[in-house]
């Protein structure tokens, strides 16, 4: 067993269990949308602590992209929304449904956990989530938590967690929404939804369609198309006793085209999450919640004649105990990953996986204590995985309110990344002796929170041991070490009819061992700036986003350099009648050719140039 938690932190976490503890809530708690400037600038988040806390109270580095932000920007992909946010970097193999990776604080795509209404979605074979297959219009808000959350969510939450929340049923209704639009590259976008509430029942149903001919991903290549059809159903009922039951189902499927050695190839895909939950008030200070869920990542690759279907089934039980301003959450989780399919065709390693199933058992606890002006948050988790053994993770965060506007925070946390099925059991090329990566992170931060604006600064360092990487013979080993350290600055202002947000990130993701010691990790920029501005002008709205990043390297030896770039996106809206509006988005206004990844043959993956999209919307 590998104990990564410092002795003092462990003693603190265990001692907290004996203290009087805390108020009900859960990671998928329903919440009211912010209605004031202060609420919008200091929003309630649930991902950081499994409990509703304002961003200032969470003692974490968090970014919230609310419903108003998603509607204003109306991005064609999640990567456009996430690119350049504090601590977040994006690498992609072209635009419109092409493979994309999210790097939080320099950690890999496999080290970022993606949740949809609390349900983990990822590929058990590749490890990370496939962000490009999710339609942003299906989500009401996003929470980005930077820093380790292994003690709350288990494996892979090394760099952080992104949680997407689907639309909740509004009061009254039904409330219909319809959107029709299209634009460059013969793109068509359609979406419709119906939501509302009746008595104690809340409901939300939605569907969307995205279809485009796409752009070439290689200079001189063919257009690479993409289509996506998504359906969502969500419903819950609250009884007079306070008990609640509900379910969620979201399914996205479609086809993406990609360049395979200069020729067009296709992949059919499915991304799906489904879950049911029940929550009971056992006593005045004790609520219990049980969630059963399943997530699927499926792909059918015709170039390699491969079919890979992964399923993750989870049972999670959370109990929240309250005592005044304090709370304690104790829970258990069972997770089973399974893989069906095989790789054949032109590959030399065809056949099914040697092992197609593994399970993980875990118990966890978290204490949230408020001794104003001091706050203490501590958590501890034990995971037992049949593939790579036991892991203990934990965290300790301290906060101090300097005054009513300024809060200091300091935290220490550990996490681990599980080896993927591909790394352990890839047919004819697996490494079953690989151990999990383990990490330690130390962070200091300060936040200023005011009536109409805020600012936040964070300084951190993450050390990763047993980094899974290739050696000189291209074999996977656990010998590498890495260090990520950086600074994040962010600010937001809402005053009169202006809405502004800015983020400045410096990251130093460094390989610390082997032949490439001292080199920057692949495909990561070290400097990033994002600036968003929007202005309301009566029935009109105008806005824009500017993202600038410096160069990166496509290889571990830092020989293949990819240049930096600056992207400018502009948007305008006009509400021409009650409930009716039209929106115009122009992406990459300066028609910048940029690349964040290379082909194996050394050619750049090219992202889309200037593009315009026009849409008509009905509904609130």
Foldseek 3Di string as FASTA:
>chain_A
DDAPDDPVQVVVQVVLVPDAFADDDFQLGDDDDDDALQCVFFPWHCVLARGTDTPQQSLFDKDKQAQVNCVFAVDAFVCVVQDQDWQWHKAFLADQQGAMAIGGLQDTQLLEWEAESRHTAAALFVRHHRRRQDGSVQFGMKMWTAAADCQPVNARPHGTYIYTYGDKAAEDDQFKKWKWWAWPQGKTKIKIKTWHDDAQKTWIKMKMKIWGQACAQFVVAGGKIWIKIKIKIKMKGADPQRKIKIKIKMKMWIKTWHADPRDIWMKTKMWIKIKIKIKHPPDPFKIKMKMWMKIWIWMQTPVQRKTKIKMKIKIKMWMWGRDPHKIKIKIKMKIKMFIDIWTHHPDPQTDDWPDGMKMKIKIKMWIWDDPPQKTKIKMKMWMQIPQAGIYIWMKIKMKGDPDPFKMKMKMKIKGWHADGSNQATRRPAHNSHQHIKMKMKIKIKMKGRDSFKIKIKMWMKMKIFQDFAAAPVGHTGRHWIKMKIWMKIKMWGDDDFKTKIKIKIAMAIATCDHPLGGFGDALDFGIKIKMKMKGDDDQKIKIKMKIWTAKGAHDSNRPQIFGIDMWIKIKMKGQPDVQKMKMKIKTRVVQDWGARYADPVNTGRTYGGIMMMMMMMGTD
